[in-house]
């Protein structure tokens, strides 16, 4: 690849990146996880470096019959909607504590492989 082509490709990539950055809506509502500490007479909230943007948080679809999994999804959707509604009522720059939330630290499990022995026979035939 010659220099002119490389420069043209680089410029095109930078233009596309800039266009994406300018078209993406900046979030106004955030859920931040952290701890409150006392500094002298003042309580100060110290959050993790990355919050959860609520503006574009999409609710999950609940399918099927009522089960523990569907109830968990529905409750999570209810929580997201409640947080969005409360955030929309805040004045610019205002923050409130959210009582009752539980934080969970989780490491995703390794993908599990199912062997053909575990599946067994389908019990169907073709004619």
N, C-alpha and C. Protein backbone atom coordinates (compact mmCIF):
# COMPACT_ATOMS: atom_id res chain seq x y z
N UNK A 1 0.86 -1.17 0.00
CA UNK A 1 0.00 0.00 0.00
C UNK A 1 0.91 1.23 0.00
N UNK A 2 0.62 2.16 -0.89
CA UNK A 2 1.45 3.37 -0.95
C UNK A 2 1.01 4.37 0.14
N UNK A 3 1.82 5.38 0.35
CA UNK A 3 1.59 6.36 1.41
C UNK A 3 0.29 7.13 1.22
N UNK A 4 -0.02 7.52 -0.01
CA UNK A 4 -1.24 8.29 -0.28
C UNK A 4 -2.48 7.48 0.07
N UNK A 5 -2.47 6.19 -0.28
CA UNK A 5 -3.61 5.33 0.03
C UNK A 5 -3.75 5.15 1.54
N UNK A 6 -2.63 4.95 2.21
CA UNK A 6 -2.67 4.78 3.67
C UNK A 6 -3.21 6.03 4.35
N UNK A 7 -2.78 7.19 3.89
CA UNK A 7 -3.26 8.45 4.47
C UNK A 7 -4.75 8.62 4.20
N UNK A 8 -5.19 8.28 3.00
CA UNK A 8 -6.61 8.39 2.65
C UNK A 8 -7.45 7.47 3.53
N UNK A 9 -6.99 6.23 3.76
CA UNK A 9 -7.71 5.29 4.62
C UNK A 9 -7.75 5.79 6.07
N UNK A 10 -6.64 6.31 6.54
CA UNK A 10 -6.59 6.84 7.90
C UNK A 10 -7.55 8.00 8.05
N UNK A 11 -7.57 8.92 7.10
CA UNK A 11 -8.48 10.06 7.15
C UNK A 11 -9.93 9.61 7.13
N UNK A 12 -10.24 8.60 6.31
CA UNK A 12 -11.61 8.09 6.24
C UNK A 12 -12.02 7.47 7.57
N UNK A 13 -11.12 6.72 8.20
CA UNK A 13 -11.42 6.09 9.49
C UNK A 13 -11.63 7.15 10.57
N UNK A 14 -10.79 8.21 10.57
CA UNK A 14 -10.94 9.27 11.56
C UNK A 14 -12.26 10.02 11.36
N UNK A 15 -12.65 10.25 10.10
CA UNK A 15 -13.91 10.93 9.80
C UNK A 15 -15.09 10.09 10.28
N UNK A 16 -15.04 8.78 10.03
CA UNK A 16 -16.12 7.88 10.46
C UNK A 16 -16.21 7.85 11.98
N UNK A 17 -15.07 7.80 12.65
CA UNK A 17 -15.05 7.79 14.12
C UNK A 17 -15.63 9.09 14.67
N UNK A 18 -15.24 10.21 14.09
CA UNK A 18 -15.75 11.50 14.55
C UNK A 18 -17.24 11.62 14.32
N UNK A 19 -17.72 11.10 13.18
CA UNK A 19 -19.16 11.16 12.88
C UNK A 19 -19.94 10.32 13.87
N UNK A 20 -19.41 9.15 14.22
CA UNK A 20 -20.08 8.28 15.19
C UNK A 20 -20.11 8.96 16.56
N UNK A 21 -19.01 9.58 16.94
CA UNK A 21 -18.94 10.23 18.25
C UNK A 21 -19.91 11.41 18.33
N UNK A 22 -20.11 12.13 17.24
CA UNK A 22 -20.98 13.29 17.30
C UNK A 22 -22.46 12.91 17.18
N UNK A 23 -22.76 11.75 16.57
CA UNK A 23 -24.16 11.36 16.43
C UNK A 23 -24.66 10.58 17.64
N UNK A 24 -23.76 10.00 18.44
CA UNK A 24 -24.18 9.24 19.62
C UNK A 24 -24.66 10.22 20.69
N UNK A 25 -25.86 9.97 21.19
CA UNK A 25 -26.44 10.84 22.20
C UNK A 25 -25.69 10.69 23.52
N UNK A 26 -25.38 11.81 24.14
CA UNK A 26 -24.71 11.78 25.43
C UNK A 26 -25.75 11.52 26.51
N UNK A 27 -25.46 10.59 27.39
CA UNK A 27 -26.39 10.24 28.46
C UNK A 27 -26.50 11.35 29.49
N UNK A 28 -27.72 11.57 29.97
CA UNK A 28 -27.97 12.56 31.01
C UNK A 28 -28.19 11.91 32.37
N UNK A 29 -28.62 10.66 32.38
CA UNK A 29 -28.98 9.98 33.62
C UNK A 29 -28.06 8.80 33.86
N UNK A 30 -27.48 8.75 35.05
CA UNK A 30 -26.49 7.72 35.37
C UNK A 30 -26.80 7.07 36.71
N UNK A 31 -26.56 5.77 36.77
CA UNK A 31 -26.58 5.04 38.03
C UNK A 31 -25.12 4.74 38.35
N UNK A 32 -24.65 5.29 39.47
CA UNK A 32 -23.25 5.11 39.86
C UNK A 32 -23.16 4.22 41.08
N UNK A 33 -22.19 3.34 41.09
CA UNK A 33 -21.94 2.43 42.21
C UNK A 33 -20.68 2.91 42.92
N UNK A 34 -20.75 2.99 44.22
CA UNK A 34 -19.58 3.42 44.97
C UNK A 34 -19.81 3.31 46.46
N UNK A 35 -19.01 4.02 47.20
CA UNK A 35 -19.11 4.04 48.66
C UNK A 35 -19.16 5.49 49.13
N UNK A 36 -19.82 5.68 50.26
CA UNK A 36 -19.84 7.00 50.89
C UNK A 36 -18.84 6.98 52.03
N UNK A 37 -17.94 7.95 52.01
CA UNK A 37 -16.93 8.03 53.07
C UNK A 37 -17.07 9.37 53.78
N UNK A 38 -16.52 9.44 54.97
CA UNK A 38 -16.54 10.68 55.73
C UNK A 38 -15.17 11.33 55.59
N UNK A 39 -15.18 12.59 55.13
CA UNK A 39 -13.96 13.40 55.08
C UNK A 39 -14.18 14.58 56.03
N UNK A 40 -13.63 14.46 57.21
CA UNK A 40 -13.87 15.48 58.23
C UNK A 40 -15.33 15.44 58.64
N UNK A 41 -16.03 16.54 58.44
CA UNK A 41 -17.45 16.64 58.79
C UNK A 41 -18.37 16.31 57.62
N UNK A 42 -17.79 16.08 56.45
CA UNK A 42 -18.58 15.92 55.23
C UNK A 42 -18.60 14.46 54.76
N UNK A 43 -19.77 14.01 54.27
CA UNK A 43 -19.87 12.71 53.62
C UNK A 43 -19.68 12.90 52.12
N UNK A 44 -18.82 12.07 51.52
CA UNK A 44 -18.49 12.19 50.10
C UNK A 44 -18.73 10.84 49.43
N UNK A 45 -19.41 10.88 48.27
CA UNK A 45 -19.67 9.65 47.50
C UNK A 45 -18.50 9.43 46.54
N UNK A 46 -17.91 8.26 46.60
CA UNK A 46 -16.79 7.89 45.73
C UNK A 46 -17.25 6.74 44.84
N UNK A 47 -17.41 7.03 43.55
CA UNK A 47 -17.98 6.02 42.64
C UNK A 47 -16.90 5.28 41.88
N UNK A 48 -17.29 4.14 41.33
CA UNK A 48 -16.43 3.42 40.40
C UNK A 48 -16.21 4.31 39.18
N UNK A 49 -15.16 4.06 38.41
CA UNK A 49 -14.87 4.92 37.26
C UNK A 49 -15.93 4.91 36.17
N UNK A 50 -16.76 3.90 36.13
CA UNK A 50 -17.75 3.80 35.05
C UNK A 50 -19.13 3.56 35.64
N UNK A 51 -20.07 4.43 35.29
CA UNK A 51 -21.45 4.28 35.73
C UNK A 51 -22.28 3.56 34.68
N UNK A 52 -23.55 3.38 34.97
CA UNK A 52 -24.49 2.75 34.04
C UNK A 52 -25.38 3.85 33.46
N UNK A 53 -25.28 4.05 32.16
CA UNK A 53 -26.11 5.06 31.50
C UNK A 53 -27.54 4.55 31.44
N UNK A 54 -28.48 5.31 31.98
CA UNK A 54 -29.88 4.87 32.03
C UNK A 54 -30.67 5.31 30.80
N UNK A 55 -30.23 6.36 30.11
CA UNK A 55 -30.99 6.92 28.99
C UNK A 55 -31.34 5.86 27.94
N UNK A 56 -30.35 5.10 27.54
CA UNK A 56 -30.54 4.12 26.46
C UNK A 56 -30.65 2.69 26.96
N UNK A 57 -30.84 2.52 28.26
CA UNK A 57 -30.96 1.18 28.82
C UNK A 57 -32.24 0.53 28.31
N UNK A 58 -32.11 -0.55 27.58
CA UNK A 58 -33.27 -1.21 26.99
C UNK A 58 -33.81 -2.28 27.94
N UNK A 59 -35.12 -2.34 28.03
CA UNK A 59 -35.75 -3.36 28.87
C UNK A 59 -35.65 -4.70 28.16
N UNK A 60 -35.59 -5.76 28.94
CA UNK A 60 -35.50 -7.11 28.37
C UNK A 60 -36.89 -7.65 28.11
N UNK A 61 -37.01 -8.47 27.10
CA UNK A 61 -38.29 -9.07 26.75
C UNK A 61 -38.56 -10.26 27.66
N UNK A 62 -39.79 -10.34 28.16
CA UNK A 62 -40.19 -11.46 29.02
C UNK A 62 -41.04 -12.40 28.18
N UNK A 63 -40.55 -13.61 27.98
CA UNK A 63 -41.26 -14.60 27.17
C UNK A 63 -41.70 -15.78 28.02
N UNK A 64 -42.72 -16.46 27.54
CA UNK A 64 -43.08 -17.74 28.12
C UNK A 64 -43.94 -17.65 29.36
N UNK A 65 -44.04 -18.81 29.99
CA UNK A 65 -44.85 -18.94 31.20
C UNK A 65 -44.11 -18.37 32.39
N UNK A 66 -44.86 -18.08 33.44
CA UNK A 66 -44.26 -17.52 34.65
C UNK A 66 -43.29 -18.51 35.26
N UNK A 67 -42.06 -18.07 35.42
CA UNK A 67 -41.04 -18.88 36.07
C UNK A 67 -40.14 -17.93 36.84
N UNK A 68 -39.23 -18.48 37.60
CA UNK A 68 -38.31 -17.66 38.38
C UNK A 68 -37.52 -16.74 37.45
N UNK A 69 -37.05 -17.27 36.33
CA UNK A 69 -36.28 -16.48 35.37
C UNK A 69 -37.07 -15.32 34.81
N UNK A 70 -38.34 -15.56 34.46
CA UNK A 70 -39.16 -14.48 33.92
C UNK A 70 -39.48 -13.43 34.98
N UNK A 71 -39.68 -13.87 36.21
CA UNK A 71 -39.94 -12.93 37.30
C UNK A 71 -38.71 -12.06 37.54
N UNK A 72 -37.52 -12.66 37.46
CA UNK A 72 -36.29 -11.89 37.62
C UNK A 72 -36.17 -10.83 36.53
N UNK A 73 -36.46 -11.20 35.29
CA UNK A 73 -36.38 -10.26 34.18
C UNK A 73 -37.41 -9.14 34.36
N UNK A 74 -38.64 -9.51 34.71
CA UNK A 74 -39.70 -8.51 34.90
C UNK A 74 -39.35 -7.54 36.03
N UNK A 75 -38.81 -8.06 37.13
CA UNK A 75 -38.41 -7.20 38.25
C UNK A 75 -37.24 -6.30 37.86
N UNK A 76 -36.31 -6.83 37.09
CA UNK A 76 -35.20 -6.00 36.59
C UNK A 76 -35.71 -4.88 35.70
N UNK A 77 -36.70 -5.19 34.84
CA UNK A 77 -37.32 -4.16 34.00
C UNK A 77 -38.02 -3.11 34.84
N UNK A 78 -38.72 -3.57 35.88
CA UNK A 78 -39.43 -2.66 36.78
C UNK A 78 -38.43 -1.73 37.48
N UNK A 79 -37.29 -2.27 37.91
CA UNK A 79 -36.25 -1.48 38.55
C UNK A 79 -35.70 -0.44 37.57
N UNK A 80 -35.39 -0.87 36.35
CA UNK A 80 -34.85 0.06 35.35
C UNK A 80 -35.83 1.20 35.08
N UNK A 81 -37.11 0.86 34.94
CA UNK A 81 -38.12 1.88 34.68
C UNK A 81 -38.24 2.85 35.86
N UNK A 82 -38.19 2.33 37.06
CA UNK A 82 -38.28 3.16 38.26
C UNK A 82 -37.08 4.11 38.35
N UNK A 83 -35.88 3.60 38.06
CA UNK A 83 -34.68 4.44 38.08
C UNK A 83 -34.75 5.54 37.02
N UNK A 84 -35.22 5.18 35.83
CA UNK A 84 -35.35 6.17 34.75
C UNK A 84 -36.33 7.27 35.13
N UNK A 85 -37.47 6.88 35.71
CA UNK A 85 -38.48 7.86 36.09
C UNK A 85 -37.96 8.80 37.17
N UNK A 86 -37.27 8.24 38.17
CA UNK A 86 -36.74 9.08 39.24
C UNK A 86 -35.64 9.99 38.71
N UNK A 87 -34.78 9.46 37.84
CA UNK A 87 -33.70 10.27 37.27
C UNK A 87 -34.26 11.44 36.46
N UNK A 88 -35.35 11.21 35.75
CA UNK A 88 -35.96 12.27 34.94
C UNK A 88 -36.51 13.39 35.82
N UNK A 89 -36.82 13.10 37.08
CA UNK A 89 -37.38 14.12 37.96
C UNK A 89 -36.30 14.94 38.67
N UNK A 90 -35.03 14.53 38.54
CA UNK A 90 -33.94 15.26 39.20
C UNK A 90 -33.62 16.55 38.45
N UNK A 91 -33.18 17.55 39.18
CA UNK A 91 -32.71 18.79 38.58
C UNK A 91 -31.30 18.55 38.05
N UNK A 92 -30.86 19.29 37.03
CA UNK A 92 -29.49 19.12 36.52
C UNK A 92 -28.46 19.23 37.64
N UNK A 93 -27.58 18.24 37.73
CA UNK A 93 -26.55 18.22 38.76
C UNK A 93 -26.98 17.60 40.08
N UNK A 94 -28.27 17.32 40.23
CA UNK A 94 -28.77 16.74 41.48
C UNK A 94 -28.51 15.24 41.51
N UNK A 95 -28.22 14.71 42.69
CA UNK A 95 -28.02 13.27 42.89
C UNK A 95 -28.76 12.85 44.15
N UNK A 96 -29.27 11.64 44.15
CA UNK A 96 -29.92 11.08 45.34
C UNK A 96 -29.38 9.68 45.58
N UNK A 97 -29.41 9.28 46.83
CA UNK A 97 -29.04 7.91 47.16
C UNK A 97 -30.20 7.00 46.78
N UNK A 98 -29.88 5.80 46.35
CA UNK A 98 -30.90 4.81 46.03
C UNK A 98 -30.83 3.74 47.11
N UNK A 99 -31.83 3.74 47.98
CA UNK A 99 -31.87 2.77 49.07
C UNK A 99 -32.43 1.45 48.59
N UNK A 100 -31.91 0.36 49.11
CA UNK A 100 -32.47 -0.95 48.80
C UNK A 100 -31.80 -1.69 47.66
N UNK A 101 -30.87 -1.04 46.95
CA UNK A 101 -30.18 -1.75 45.87
C UNK A 101 -29.11 -2.66 46.46
N UNK A 102 -28.89 -3.77 45.81
CA UNK A 102 -27.84 -4.69 46.19
C UNK A 102 -26.86 -4.79 45.03
N UNK A 103 -25.59 -4.69 45.33
CA UNK A 103 -24.57 -4.86 44.29
C UNK A 103 -24.09 -6.30 44.32
N UNK A 104 -23.86 -6.84 43.15
CA UNK A 104 -23.39 -8.22 43.03
C UNK A 104 -22.14 -8.21 42.18
N UNK A 105 -21.10 -8.83 42.66
CA UNK A 105 -19.86 -9.00 41.91
C UNK A 105 -19.90 -10.41 41.34
N UNK A 106 -19.75 -10.51 40.03
CA UNK A 106 -19.90 -11.82 39.39
C UNK A 106 -18.83 -12.01 38.33
N UNK A 107 -18.33 -13.22 38.25
CA UNK A 107 -17.47 -13.63 37.14
C UNK A 107 -18.28 -14.58 36.29
N UNK A 108 -18.37 -14.28 35.02
CA UNK A 108 -19.14 -15.11 34.11
C UNK A 108 -18.54 -16.52 34.07
N UNK A 109 -19.41 -17.52 34.05
CA UNK A 109 -18.97 -18.90 33.99
C UNK A 109 -18.44 -19.27 32.62
N UNK A 110 -17.71 -20.34 32.58
CA UNK A 110 -17.19 -20.85 31.31
C UNK A 110 -18.33 -21.50 30.53
N UNK A 111 -18.31 -21.38 29.20
CA UNK A 111 -19.35 -22.05 28.40
C UNK A 111 -19.31 -23.55 28.64
N UNK A 112 -20.48 -24.14 28.77
CA UNK A 112 -20.56 -25.59 29.02
C UNK A 112 -20.88 -26.31 27.72
N UNK A 113 -20.19 -27.40 27.50
CA UNK A 113 -20.42 -28.22 26.33
C UNK A 113 -21.35 -29.38 26.71
N UNK A 114 -22.32 -29.64 25.85
CA UNK A 114 -23.23 -30.77 26.07
C UNK A 114 -22.80 -31.87 25.12
N UNK A 115 -22.54 -33.04 25.68
CA UNK A 115 -22.13 -34.16 24.83
C UNK A 115 -23.36 -34.82 24.22
N UNK A 116 -23.16 -35.52 23.14
CA UNK A 116 -24.27 -36.22 22.49
C UNK A 116 -24.81 -37.32 23.40
N UNK A 117 -23.99 -37.84 24.29
CA UNK A 117 -24.46 -38.85 25.25
C UNK A 117 -25.52 -38.26 26.18
N UNK A 118 -25.35 -37.01 26.57
CA UNK A 118 -26.29 -36.34 27.46
C UNK A 118 -27.62 -36.08 26.76
N UNK A 119 -27.61 -35.89 25.45
CA UNK A 119 -28.83 -35.57 24.71
C UNK A 119 -29.75 -36.77 24.57
N UNK A 120 -29.18 -37.94 24.41
CA UNK A 120 -30.01 -39.14 24.23
C UNK A 120 -30.70 -39.16 22.88
N UNK A 121 -31.60 -40.13 22.71
CA UNK A 121 -32.30 -40.32 21.45
C UNK A 121 -33.50 -39.37 21.39
N UNK A 122 -33.76 -38.82 20.20
CA UNK A 122 -34.90 -37.93 20.02
C UNK A 122 -36.22 -38.67 20.05
N UNK A 123 -36.22 -39.90 19.65
CA UNK A 123 -37.47 -40.67 19.63
C UNK A 123 -38.34 -40.37 18.43
N UNK A 124 -37.73 -39.89 17.36
CA UNK A 124 -38.51 -39.64 16.13
C UNK A 124 -37.95 -40.49 15.01
N UNK A 125 -38.75 -40.68 13.97
CA UNK A 125 -38.28 -41.41 12.79
C UNK A 125 -38.89 -40.77 11.56
N UNK A 126 -38.33 -41.07 10.41
CA UNK A 126 -38.81 -40.52 9.15
C UNK A 126 -39.22 -41.64 8.23
N UNK A 127 -40.27 -41.42 7.44
CA UNK A 127 -40.69 -42.45 6.52
C UNK A 127 -40.58 -41.97 5.09
